[in-house]
C-alpha atoms as a PDB file:
ATOM      1  CA  MET A   1      26.601   0.581  39.785  1.00  0.00           C
ATOM      2  CA  THR A   2      25.687   2.579  43.011  1.00  0.00           C
ATOM      3  CA  HIS A   3      23.090   1.083  45.289  1.00  0.00           C
ATOM      4  CA  PRO A   4      20.066   3.108  45.944  1.00  0.00           C
ATOM      5  CA  ASN A   5      20.576   2.892  49.662  1.00  0.00           C
ATOM      6  CA  ILE A   6      24.046   4.467  49.407  1.00  0.00           C
ATOM      7  CA  VAL A   7      22.522   7.342  47.489  1.00  0.00           C
ATOM      8  CA  GLN A   8      19.942   7.927  50.158  1.00  0.00           C
ATOM      9  CA  LYS A   9      22.600   7.931  52.865  1.00  0.00           C
ATOM     10  CA  SER A  10      24.760  10.408  51.078  1.00  0.00           C
ATOM     11  CA  VAL A  11      22.000  12.983  51.102  1.00  0.00           C
ATOM     12  CA  ARG A  12      21.646  14.924  54.316  1.00  0.00           C
ATOM     13  CA  PRO A  13      18.057  14.388  55.788  1.00  0.00           C
ATOM     14  CA  GLU A  14      17.396  18.113  55.962  1.00  0.00           C
ATOM     15  CA  HIS A  15      17.959  18.488  52.172  1.00  0.00           C
ATOM     16  CA  ARG A  16      15.829  15.551  51.179  1.00  0.00           C
ATOM     17  CA  TRP A  17      12.572  17.659  51.148  1.00  0.00           C
ATOM     18  CA  ARG A  18      14.193  20.174  48.830  1.00  0.00           C
ATOM     19  CA  LEU A  19      15.139  17.445  46.341  1.00  0.00           C
ATOM     20  CA  GLY A  20      11.592  16.152  46.458  1.00  0.00           C
ATOM     21  CA  LEU A  21      10.149  19.525  45.756  1.00  0.00           C
ATOM     22  CA  VAL A  22      12.506  20.148  42.806  1.00  0.00           C
ATOM     23  CA  ALA A  23      11.530  16.748  41.379  1.00  0.00           C
ATOM     24  CA  ALA A  24       7.782  17.542  41.701  1.00  0.00           C
ATOM     25  CA  VAL A  25       8.025  20.965  40.047  1.00  0.00           C
ATOM     26  CA  ALA A  26      10.140  19.439  37.197  1.00  0.00           C
ATOM     27  CA  THR A  27       7.434  16.833  36.593  1.00  0.00           C
ATOM     28  CA  LEU A  28       4.683  19.486  36.503  1.00  0.00           C
ATOM     29  CA  LEU A  29       6.674  21.569  33.980  1.00  0.00           C
ATOM     30  CA  GLY A  30       7.492  18.508  31.801  1.00  0.00           C
ATOM     31  CA  VAL A  31      11.333  18.765  32.179  1.00  0.00           C
ATOM     32  CA  GLY A  32      11.810  15.967  34.629  1.00  0.00           C
ATOM     33  CA  GLY A  33      13.353  13.291  32.090  1.00  0.00           C
ATOM     34  CA  ALA A  34      15.136  12.784  28.838  1.00  0.00           C
ATOM     35  CA  ALA A  35      11.888  12.019  26.906  1.00  0.00           C
ATOM     36  CA  ALA A  36      10.631  15.481  27.642  1.00  0.00           C
ATOM     37  CA  GLN A  37      13.732  17.118  26.402  1.00  0.00           C
ATOM     38  CA  SER A  38      13.036  16.406  22.731  1.00  0.00           C
ATOM     39  CA  PRO A  39       9.785  15.252  21.342  1.00  0.00           C
ATOM     40  CA  GLY A  40       9.801  11.937  19.424  1.00  0.00           C
ATOM     41  CA  PRO A  41       8.675  11.386  15.943  1.00  0.00           C
ATOM     42  CA  ALA A  42       4.977  11.540  15.039  1.00  0.00           C
ATOM     43  CA  SER A  43       3.169   8.312  15.787  1.00  0.00           C
ATOM     44  CA  PRO A  44       2.457   6.361  12.558  1.00  0.00           C
ATOM     45  CA  THR A  45      -0.943   5.481  14.131  1.00  0.00           C
ATOM     46  CA  ALA A  46      -2.019   9.130  14.079  1.00  0.00           C
ATOM     47  CA  SER A  47      -4.576  10.181  11.551  1.00  0.00           C
ATOM     48  CA  PRO A  48      -2.683  10.144   8.207  1.00  0.00           C
ATOM     49  CA  THR A  49      -5.251  12.187   6.291  1.00  0.00           C
ATOM     50  CA  ALA A  50      -5.674  15.929   5.884  1.00  0.00           C
ATOM     51  CA  SER A  51      -8.534  18.340   4.907  1.00  0.00           C
ATOM     52  CA  THR A  52      -6.290  20.114   2.385  1.00  0.00           C
ATOM     53  CA  SER A  53      -4.449  18.644  -0.549  1.00  0.00           C
ATOM     54  CA  PRO A  54      -0.629  18.997  -0.865  1.00  0.00           C
ATOM     55  CA  ILE A  55      -1.018  19.139  -4.638  1.00  0.00           C
ATOM     56  CA  ALA A  56      -2.711  22.111  -6.371  1.00  0.00           C
ATOM     57  CA  GLY A  57      -5.899  21.171  -8.372  1.00  0.00           C
ATOM     58  CA  VAL A  58      -6.281  17.845  -6.683  1.00  0.00           C
ATOM     59  CA  ASP A  59      -9.014  17.219  -4.094  1.00  0.00           C
ATOM     60  CA  ALA A  60      -7.861  16.205  -0.690  1.00  0.00           C
ATOM     61  CA  ALA A  61     -10.327  13.200  -0.783  1.00  0.00           C
ATOM     62  CA  LEU A  62      -8.379  11.630  -3.621  1.00  0.00           C
ATOM     63  CA  VAL A  63      -5.030  12.151  -1.922  1.00  0.00           C
ATOM     64  CA  ASN A  64      -6.534  10.658   1.223  1.00  0.00           C
ATOM     65  CA  ASP A  65      -7.746   7.647  -0.527  1.00  0.00           C
ATOM     66  CA  ILE A  66      -4.113   6.899  -1.685  1.00  0.00           C
ATOM     67  CA  VAL A  67      -3.031   7.075   1.908  1.00  0.00           C
ATOM     68  CA  ILE A  68      -5.867   4.966   3.269  1.00  0.00           C
ATOM     69  CA  GLY A  69      -5.433   2.485   0.554  1.00  0.00           C
ATOM     70  CA  SER A  70      -1.625   2.106   1.251  1.00  0.00           C
ATOM     71  CA  ARG A  71      -2.388   1.617   5.006  1.00  0.00           C
ATOM     72  CA  ILE A  72      -5.230  -0.877   4.464  1.00  0.00           C
ATOM     73  CA  LEU A  73      -2.988  -3.126   2.444  1.00  0.00           C
ATOM     74  CA  ALA A  74      -0.224  -2.734   4.982  1.00  0.00           C
ATOM     75  CA  GLU A  75      -2.743  -3.651   7.896  1.00  0.00           C
ATOM     76  CA  PHE A  76      -3.829  -6.838   6.137  1.00  0.00           C
ATOM     77  CA  GLY A  77      -0.341  -7.906   5.100  1.00  0.00           C
ATOM     78  CA  VAL A  78      -0.683  -7.567   1.343  1.00  0.00           C
ATOM     79  CA  LEU A  79       1.974  -4.923   1.487  1.00  0.00           C
ATOM     80  CA  ASP A  80       4.845  -4.783   3.879  1.00  0.00           C
ATOM     81  CA  GLY A  81       7.758  -2.260   3.733  1.00  0.00           C
ATOM     82  CA  PHE A  82       7.525  -2.365  -0.010  1.00  0.00           C
ATOM     83  CA  GLY A  83       4.917  -1.769  -2.612  1.00  0.00           C
ATOM     84  CA  HIS A  84       2.783   1.151  -3.605  1.00  0.00           C
ATOM     85  CA  VAL A  85      -0.647   2.654  -4.463  1.00  0.00           C
ATOM     86  CA  SER A  86      -1.193   5.325  -7.118  1.00  0.00           C
ATOM     87  CA  ALA A  87      -4.002   7.274  -8.829  1.00  0.00           C
ATOM     88  CA  ARG A  88      -4.342   8.893 -12.141  1.00  0.00           C
ATOM     89  CA  HIS A  89      -4.380  12.723 -11.925  1.00  0.00           C
ATOM     90  CA  PRO A  90      -8.076  13.742 -11.947  1.00  0.00           C
ATOM     91  CA  THR A  91      -7.711  16.486 -14.576  1.00  0.00           C
ATOM     92  CA  ASP A  92      -4.505  15.585 -16.383  1.00  0.00           C
ATOM     93  CA  PRO A  93      -4.453  12.010 -17.722  1.00  0.00           C
ATOM     94  CA  ASN A  94      -0.759  12.239 -18.468  1.00  0.00           C
ATOM     95  CA  ARG A  95       0.176  12.469 -14.747  1.00  0.00           C
ATOM     96  CA  PHE A  96      -0.378  10.369 -11.729  1.00  0.00           C
ATOM     97  CA  LEU A  97      -0.052  10.658  -7.942  1.00  0.00           C
ATOM     98  CA  MET A  98       1.832   8.385  -5.711  1.00  0.00           C
ATOM     99  CA  ALA A  99       3.749   8.633  -2.315  1.00  0.00           C
ATOM    100  CA  ARG A 100       7.418   9.351  -1.942  1.00  0.00           C
ATOM    101  CA  SER A 101       9.591   6.351  -1.269  1.00  0.00           C
ATOM    102  CA  LEU A 102       8.256   5.275   2.083  1.00  0.00           C
ATOM    103  CA  ALA A 103       6.775   2.162   3.698  1.00  0.00           C
ATOM    104  CA  PRO A 104       3.078   2.047   2.958  1.00  0.00           C
ATOM    105  CA  ALA A 105       2.038   1.909   6.611  1.00  0.00           C
ATOM    106  CA  LEU A 106       3.757   5.216   7.252  1.00  0.00           C
ATOM    107  CA  VAL A 107       2.357   7.170   4.276  1.00  0.00           C
ATOM    108  CA  THR A 108       0.523  10.409   5.046  1.00  0.00           C
ATOM    109  CA  SER A 109      -1.228  13.025   2.823  1.00  0.00           C
ATOM    110  CA  ASP A 110       1.990  15.206   2.884  1.00  0.00           C
ATOM    111  CA  ASP A 111       3.998  12.441   1.209  1.00  0.00           C
ATOM    112  CA  ILE A 112       1.999  12.245  -1.947  1.00  0.00           C
ATOM    113  CA  MET A 113       3.662  13.398  -4.984  1.00  0.00           C
ATOM    114  CA  GLU A 114       2.765  14.158  -8.667  1.00  0.00           C
ATOM    115  CA  PHE A 115       4.514  12.437 -11.619  1.00  0.00           C
ATOM    116  CA  ASP A 116       4.352  12.493 -15.357  1.00  0.00           C
ATOM    117  CA  LEU A 117       3.891   9.058 -17.258  1.00  0.00           C
ATOM    118  CA  ASP A 118       7.729   8.865 -17.753  1.00  0.00           C
ATOM    119  CA  GLY A 119       8.126   8.649 -13.974  1.00  0.00           C
ATOM    120  CA  ASN A 120       9.569  12.145 -13.499  1.00  0.00           C
ATOM    121  CA  PRO A 121       8.433  13.908 -10.246  1.00  0.00           C
ATOM    122  CA  VAL A 122       6.823  17.356 -10.943  1.00  0.00           C
ATOM    123  CA  ASP A 123       8.084  18.871  -7.627  1.00  0.00           C
ATOM    124  CA  ALA A 124      10.613  16.506  -6.023  1.00  0.00           C
ATOM    125  CA  ARG A 125      11.892  18.930  -3.435  1.00  0.00           C
ATOM    126  CA  GLY A 126      14.700  16.527  -2.677  1.00  0.00           C
ATOM    127  CA  ARG A 127      12.284  13.668  -1.714  1.00  0.00           C
ATOM    128  CA  ALA A 128      13.217  10.080  -2.718  1.00  0.00           C
ATOM    129  CA  VAL A 129      10.893   8.337  -5.176  1.00  0.00           C
ATOM    130  CA  PHE A 130      10.088   4.708  -5.753  1.00  0.00           C
ATOM    131  CA  LEU A 131      12.339   2.909  -8.237  1.00  0.00           C
ATOM    132  CA  GLU A 132       9.369   1.005  -9.697  1.00  0.00           C
ATOM    133  CA  ARG A 133       7.279   4.013 -10.409  1.00  0.00           C
ATOM    134  CA  PHE A 134       7.532   3.043 -14.176  1.00  0.00           C
ATOM    135  CA  ILE A 135       5.037   0.247 -13.450  1.00  0.00           C
ATOM    136  CA  HIS A 136       2.441   2.983 -12.891  1.00  0.00           C
ATOM    137  CA  GLY A 137       3.275   5.322 -15.639  1.00  0.00           C
ATOM    138  CA  GLU A 138       3.371   2.752 -18.393  1.00  0.00           C
ATOM    139  CA  VAL A 139       0.067   1.098 -17.155  1.00  0.00           C
ATOM    140  CA  TYR A 140      -1.608   4.512 -17.234  1.00  0.00           C
ATOM    141  CA  ARG A 141      -0.152   5.248 -20.623  1.00  0.00           C
ATOM    142  CA  ALA A 142      -1.407   1.865 -22.030  1.00  0.00           C
ATOM    143  CA  ARG A 143      -4.805   1.767 -20.322  1.00  0.00           C
ATOM    144  CA  PRO A 144      -6.847   4.928 -20.447  1.00  0.00           C
ATOM    145  CA  ASP A 145      -9.623   3.252 -18.493  1.00  0.00           C
ATOM    146  CA  VAL A 146      -7.406   2.733 -15.395  1.00  0.00           C
ATOM    147  CA  ARG A 147      -7.661   5.234 -12.654  1.00  0.00           C
ATOM    148  CA  SER A 148      -5.525   3.471 -10.045  1.00  0.00           C
ATOM    149  CA  VAL A 149      -2.756   1.036  -9.863  1.00  0.00           C
ATOM    150  CA  VAL A 150      -1.462  -1.162  -7.043  1.00  0.00           C
ATOM    151  CA  HIS A 151       1.853  -3.092  -6.891  1.00  0.00           C
ATOM    152  CA  THR A 152       2.326  -5.619  -4.132  1.00  0.00           C
ATOM    153  CA  HIS A 153       4.709  -8.516  -3.224  1.00  0.00           C
ATOM    154  CA  SER A 154       1.660 -10.389  -1.881  1.00  0.00           C
ATOM    155  CA  PRO A 155       2.887 -13.595  -0.275  1.00  0.00           C
ATOM    156  CA  GLY A 156      -0.140 -15.509  -1.446  1.00  0.00           C
ATOM    157  CA  VAL A 157       0.412 -14.940  -5.055  1.00  0.00           C
ATOM    158  CA  ILE A 158       4.062 -15.706  -5.321  1.00  0.00           C
ATOM    159  CA  PRO A 159       3.607 -19.528  -5.726  1.00  0.00           C
ATOM    160  CA  PHE A 160       1.152 -18.889  -8.633  1.00  0.00           C
ATOM    161  CA  SER A 161       3.709 -16.525 -10.276  1.00  0.00           C
ATOM    162  CA  VAL A 162       6.373 -19.341 -10.431  1.00  0.00           C
ATOM    163  CA  SER A 163       4.301 -22.448 -10.979  1.00  0.00           C
ATOM    164  CA  LYS A 164       2.234 -23.896 -13.830  1.00  0.00           C
ATOM    165  CA  VAL A 165      -1.002 -23.626 -11.907  1.00  0.00           C
ATOM    166  CA  PRO A 166      -3.034 -20.743 -13.063  1.00  0.00           C
ATOM    167  CA  LEU A 167      -4.714 -18.345 -10.490  1.00  0.00           C
ATOM    168  CA  GLN A 168      -8.458 -18.754 -10.910  1.00  0.00           C
ATOM    169  CA  ALA A 169     -11.451 -17.118  -9.256  1.00  0.00           C
ATOM    170  CA  MET A 170     -12.545 -19.234  -6.244  1.00  0.00           C
ATOM    171  CA  TYR A 171     -15.600 -17.228  -5.246  1.00  0.00           C
ATOM    172  CA  HIS A 172     -17.542 -13.963  -5.907  1.00  0.00           C
ATOM    173  CA  ASN A 173     -15.333 -11.318  -4.214  1.00  0.00           C
ATOM    174  CA  PRO A 174     -12.277 -12.010  -6.454  1.00  0.00           C
ATOM    175  CA  ALA A 175     -14.539 -12.539  -9.401  1.00  0.00           C
ATOM    176  CA  PHE A 176     -12.349 -10.287 -11.565  1.00  0.00           C
ATOM    177  CA  LEU A 177      -9.848 -13.150 -11.718  1.00  0.00           C
ATOM    178  CA  ALA A 178     -12.164 -15.134 -13.751  1.00  0.00           C
ATOM    179  CA  ALA A 179     -11.305 -13.018 -16.888  1.00  0.00           C
ATOM    180  CA  GLY A 180      -7.799 -14.480 -16.700  1.00  0.00           C
ATOM    181  CA  VAL A 181      -4.584 -13.710 -14.954  1.00  0.00           C
ATOM    182  CA  PRO A 182      -1.535 -13.341 -17.132  1.00  0.00           C
ATOM    183  CA  ILE A 183       2.063 -13.726 -15.830  1.00  0.00           C
ATOM    184  CA  PHE A 184       4.876 -11.222 -16.635  1.00  0.00           C
ATOM    185  CA  ASP A 185       8.340 -12.929 -16.701  1.00  0.00           C
ATOM    186  CA  ILE A 186      10.825 -10.180 -17.042  1.00  0.00           C
ATOM    187  CA  ARG A 187      13.557 -12.692 -18.071  1.00  0.00           C
ATOM    188  CA  ASP A 188      11.781 -13.249 -21.361  1.00  0.00           C
ATOM    189  CA  LYS A 189      12.773  -9.885 -22.795  1.00  0.00           C
ATOM    190  CA  PHE A 190      15.437  -8.658 -20.440  1.00  0.00           C
ATOM    191  CA  GLY A 191      17.471 -11.652 -19.395  1.00  0.00           C
ATOM    192  CA  ALA A 192      18.873 -11.854 -15.945  1.00  0.00           C
ATOM    193  CA  THR A 193      17.904  -8.718 -13.879  1.00  0.00           C
ATOM    194  CA  ASP A 194      17.336  -7.858 -10.283  1.00  0.00           C
ATOM    195  CA  MET A 195      13.647  -8.530 -10.974  1.00  0.00           C
ATOM    196  CA  LEU A 196      12.750  -4.849 -10.571  1.00  0.00           C
ATOM    197  CA  VAL A 197      10.745  -2.631 -12.969  1.00  0.00           C
ATOM    198  CA  ARG A 198      13.463  -0.118 -12.958  1.00  0.00           C
ATOM    199  CA  ASN A 199      12.860   1.749 -16.365  1.00  0.00           C
ATOM    200  CA  ALA A 200      10.064   2.522 -18.898  1.00  0.00           C
ATOM    201  CA  ALA A 201      10.994  -0.302 -21.223  1.00  0.00           C
ATOM    202  CA  ILE A 202      10.284  -2.946 -18.509  1.00  0.00           C
ATOM    203  CA  GLY A 203       7.151  -1.101 -17.451  1.00  0.00           C
ATOM    204  CA  LYS A 204       5.778  -1.154 -20.934  1.00  0.00           C
ATOM    205  CA  ALA A 205       6.484  -4.838 -21.221  1.00  0.00           C
ATOM    206  CA  LEU A 206       4.631  -5.360 -17.977  1.00  0.00           C
ATOM    207  CA  ALA A 207       1.721  -3.248 -19.191  1.00  0.00           C
ATOM    208  CA  ASP A 208       1.666  -5.256 -22.402  1.00  0.00           C
ATOM    209  CA  SER A 209       1.422  -8.489 -20.359  1.00  0.00           C
ATOM    210  CA  LEU A 210      -1.402  -6.987 -18.344  1.00  0.00           C
ATOM    211  CA  GLY A 211      -3.479  -6.250 -21.457  1.00  0.00           C
ATOM    212  CA  ASP A 212      -7.044  -5.593 -20.743  1.00  0.00           C
ATOM    213  CA  LYS A 213      -7.140  -7.752 -17.495  1.00  0.00           C
ATOM    214  CA  SER A 214      -7.456  -6.509 -13.862  1.00  0.00           C
ATOM    215  CA  VAL A 215      -4.413  -8.274 -12.596  1.00  0.00           C
ATOM    216  CA  VAL A 216      -0.993  -9.453 -13.783  1.00  0.00           C
ATOM    217  CA  LEU A 217       1.373 -11.698 -11.721  1.00  0.00           C
ATOM    218  CA  MET A 218       4.987 -10.885 -11.897  1.00  0.00           C
ATOM    219  CA  ARG A 219       7.227 -14.085 -11.856  1.00  0.00           C
ATOM    220  CA  GLY A 220       9.193 -14.333  -8.668  1.00  0.00           C
ATOM    221  CA  HIS A 221       8.134 -10.824  -7.687  1.00  0.00           C
ATOM    222  CA  GLY A 222       4.420 -10.120  -6.933  1.00  0.00           C
ATOM    223  CA  ASP A 223       1.484  -8.574  -8.781  1.00  0.00           C
ATOM    224  CA  VAL A 224      -0.114  -5.502 -10.185  1.00  0.00           C
ATOM    225  CA  THR A 225      -3.803  -4.812  -9.866  1.00  0.00           C
ATOM    226  CA  VAL A 226      -5.660  -1.964 -11.604  1.00  0.00           C
ATOM    227  CA  GLY A 227      -9.204  -0.574 -11.414  1.00  0.00           C
ATOM    228  CA  PRO A 228     -11.444   2.316 -12.277  1.00  0.00           C
ATOM    229  CA  SER A 229     -10.845   3.859  -8.745  1.00  0.00           C
ATOM    230  CA  ILE A 230      -8.445   3.527  -5.855  1.00  0.00           C
ATOM    231  CA  LYS A 231     -11.068   1.590  -3.879  1.00  0.00           C
ATOM    232  CA  ALA A 232     -11.426  -0.931  -6.762  1.00  0.00           C
ATOM    233  CA  ALA A 233      -7.623  -1.406  -7.300  1.00  0.00           C
ATOM    234  CA  VAL A 234      -7.028  -1.839  -3.459  1.00  0.00           C
ATOM    235  CA  PHE A 235     -10.103  -4.278  -3.291  1.00  0.00           C
ATOM    236  CA  ARG A 236      -8.611  -6.245  -6.121  1.00  0.00           C
ATOM    237  CA  ALA A 237      -5.141  -6.281  -4.548  1.00  0.00           C
ATOM    238  CA  TYR A 238      -6.581  -7.636  -1.307  1.00  0.00           C
ATOM    239  CA  TYR A 239      -8.851 -10.236  -2.723  1.00  0.00           C
ATOM    240  CA  THR A 240      -6.159 -11.437  -5.228  1.00  0.00           C
ATOM    241  CA  ASP A 241      -4.102 -12.382  -2.194  1.00  0.00           C
ATOM    242  CA  VAL A 242      -7.046 -14.009  -0.376  1.00  0.00           C
ATOM    243  CA  ASN A 243      -8.029 -15.948  -3.429  1.00  0.00           C
ATOM    244  CA  ALA A 244      -4.476 -17.194  -3.908  1.00  0.00           C
ATOM    245  CA  ARG A 245      -4.335 -18.490  -0.406  1.00  0.00           C
ATOM    246  CA  LEU A 246      -7.756 -20.190  -0.681  1.00  0.00           C
ATOM    247  CA  GLN A 247      -6.861 -21.793  -4.010  1.00  0.00           C
ATOM    248  CA  SER A 248      -3.832 -23.221  -2.543  1.00  0.00           C
ATOM    249  CA  GLN A 249      -5.864 -24.623   0.349  1.00  0.00           C
ATOM    250  CA  ALA A 250      -8.448 -26.125  -2.208  1.00  0.00           C
ATOM    251  CA  ILE A 251      -5.621 -27.806  -4.302  1.00  0.00           C
ATOM    252  CA  ALA A 252      -4.190 -29.332  -1.235  1.00  0.00           C
ATOM    253  CA  LEU A 253      -7.559 -31.013  -0.406  1.00  0.00           C
ATOM    254  CA  GLY A 254      -7.158 -32.912  -3.667  1.00  0.00           C
ATOM    255  CA  GLY A 255      -9.372 -33.280  -6.730  1.00  0.00           C
ATOM    256  CA  ASP A 256     -10.277 -30.397  -9.108  1.00  0.00           C
ATOM    257  CA  PRO A 257     -11.688 -27.268  -7.594  1.00  0.00           C
ATOM    258  CA  THR A 258     -14.770 -25.695  -9.295  1.00  0.00           C
ATOM    259  CA  TYR A 259     -13.843 -22.150 -10.306  1.00  0.00           C
ATOM    260  CA  LEU A 260     -16.170 -19.189 -11.376  1.00  0.00           C
ATOM    261  CA  THR A 261     -16.738 -19.107 -15.155  1.00  0.00           C
ATOM    262  CA  VAL A 262     -15.960 -16.086 -17.151  1.00  0.00           C
ATOM    263  CA  GLU A 263     -19.719 -15.118 -17.231  1.00  0.00           C
ATOM    264  CA  GLU A 264     -20.109 -15.558 -13.501  1.00  0.00           C
ATOM    265  CA  GLY A 265     -16.902 -13.577 -12.901  1.00  0.00           C
ATOM    266  CA  ALA A 266     -18.151 -10.641 -14.947  1.00  0.00           C
ATOM    267  CA  LYS A 267     -21.515 -10.435 -13.259  1.00  0.00           C
ATOM    268  CA  ALA A 268     -20.097 -10.743  -9.705  1.00  0.00           C
ATOM    269  CA  ASP A 269     -17.514  -8.185 -10.387  1.00  0.00           C
ATOM    270  CA  ALA A 270     -20.087  -5.681 -11.520  1.00  0.00           C
ATOM    271  CA  THR A 271     -22.032  -6.161  -8.358  1.00  0.00           C
ATOM    272  CA  ASN A 272     -18.806  -5.783  -6.266  1.00  0.00           C
ATOM    273  CA  LEU A 273     -17.924  -2.457  -7.805  1.00  0.00           C
ATOM    274  CA  VAL A 274     -21.434  -1.145  -6.952  1.00  0.00           C
ATOM    275  CA  VAL A 275     -21.269  -2.129  -3.170  1.00  0.00           C
ATOM    276  CA  ILE A 276     -17.488  -1.609  -2.705  1.00  0.00           C
ATOM    277  CA  ASP A 277     -17.947   1.374  -0.275  1.00  0.00           C
ATOM    278  CA  ARG A 278     -19.325  -1.165   2.245  1.00  0.00           C
ATOM    279  CA  ILE A 279     -15.947  -2.872   2.774  1.00  0.00           C
ATOM    280  CA  TRP A 280     -13.965   0.367   2.059  1.00  0.00           C
ATOM    281  CA  ASN A 281     -15.704   2.118   4.914  1.00  0.00           C
ATOM    282  CA  LEU A 282     -15.026  -0.707   7.228  1.00  0.00           C
ATOM    283  CA  TRP A 283     -11.395  -0.776   6.292  1.00  0.00           C
ATOM    284  CA  SER A 284     -11.126   2.961   6.499  1.00  0.00           C
ATOM    285  CA  MET A 285     -12.495   2.774  10.069  1.00  0.00           C
ATOM    286  CA  LYS A 286      -9.600   0.621  11.139  1.00  0.00           C
ATOM    287  CA  ILE A 287      -7.145   2.998   9.595  1.00  0.00           C
ATOM    288  CA  VAL A 288      -8.340   6.509  10.555  1.00  0.00           C
ATOM    289  CA  GLY A 289     -10.668   5.574  13.419  1.00  0.00           C
ATOM    290  CA  ALA A 290     -13.958   6.736  11.772  1.00  0.00           C
ATOM    291  CA  SER A 291     -16.137   5.692   8.784  1.00  0.00           C
ATOM    292  CA  ARG A 292     -15.657   7.776   5.647  1.00  0.00           C
END
């Protein structure tokens, strides 16, 4: 490697001012280095939302909520490079909206696609799609009341998916858990698999296990939460993980924890749904830099 002093000695003094001038002009014009020769990829921290929807007939606000919900759950570690958030189509109940196959923290409004309940993309345009999109299609098919579905590999819930300890509501925010949390074990009907919901038959079995509940755990995999809105489904995904971690701590303290009753859970959950914008606006501010 050539020493800087050698470089300086090799340049005649009368030419040094010319080199300095060239460097200054290059800097002003933005062509002085390799970084300026080709712009890098868009920053994932840039605003992910848009004022117009990429899907005809769908309001941009709904698309943006899918984006924000995906990034919220990634921000708080409920989602990592895997998992997804979807919404039922606002005018066609037999379709739903979800991002192309992409890490949730990187999703933008332009990544949202439309699917039928069989998991077929309406306008793929060569874009890769999530293998486990059948979770969403089959839950929407089975549950007309559901407007949003979230699938996570939430670290907090995994122990409860493989143990005999039921996940129960610890406090008022995850009150929806008081109604019961079933566990879907893919091995019961499909034997040894890669644990993924890779077709409609597995998706239907999962939806059957969910039943009329807000959450279903997936043995050795993660969970699925549903709600009457994207905000509610994301809220439930976040607080399911929080509750699981707190319950593990309470159990470690010894004794028998006191959980919410079914009646307490129903009353608290109804209140949470009324005031959900308070937490959603706070979370959104962290994602897009301004309250929605």
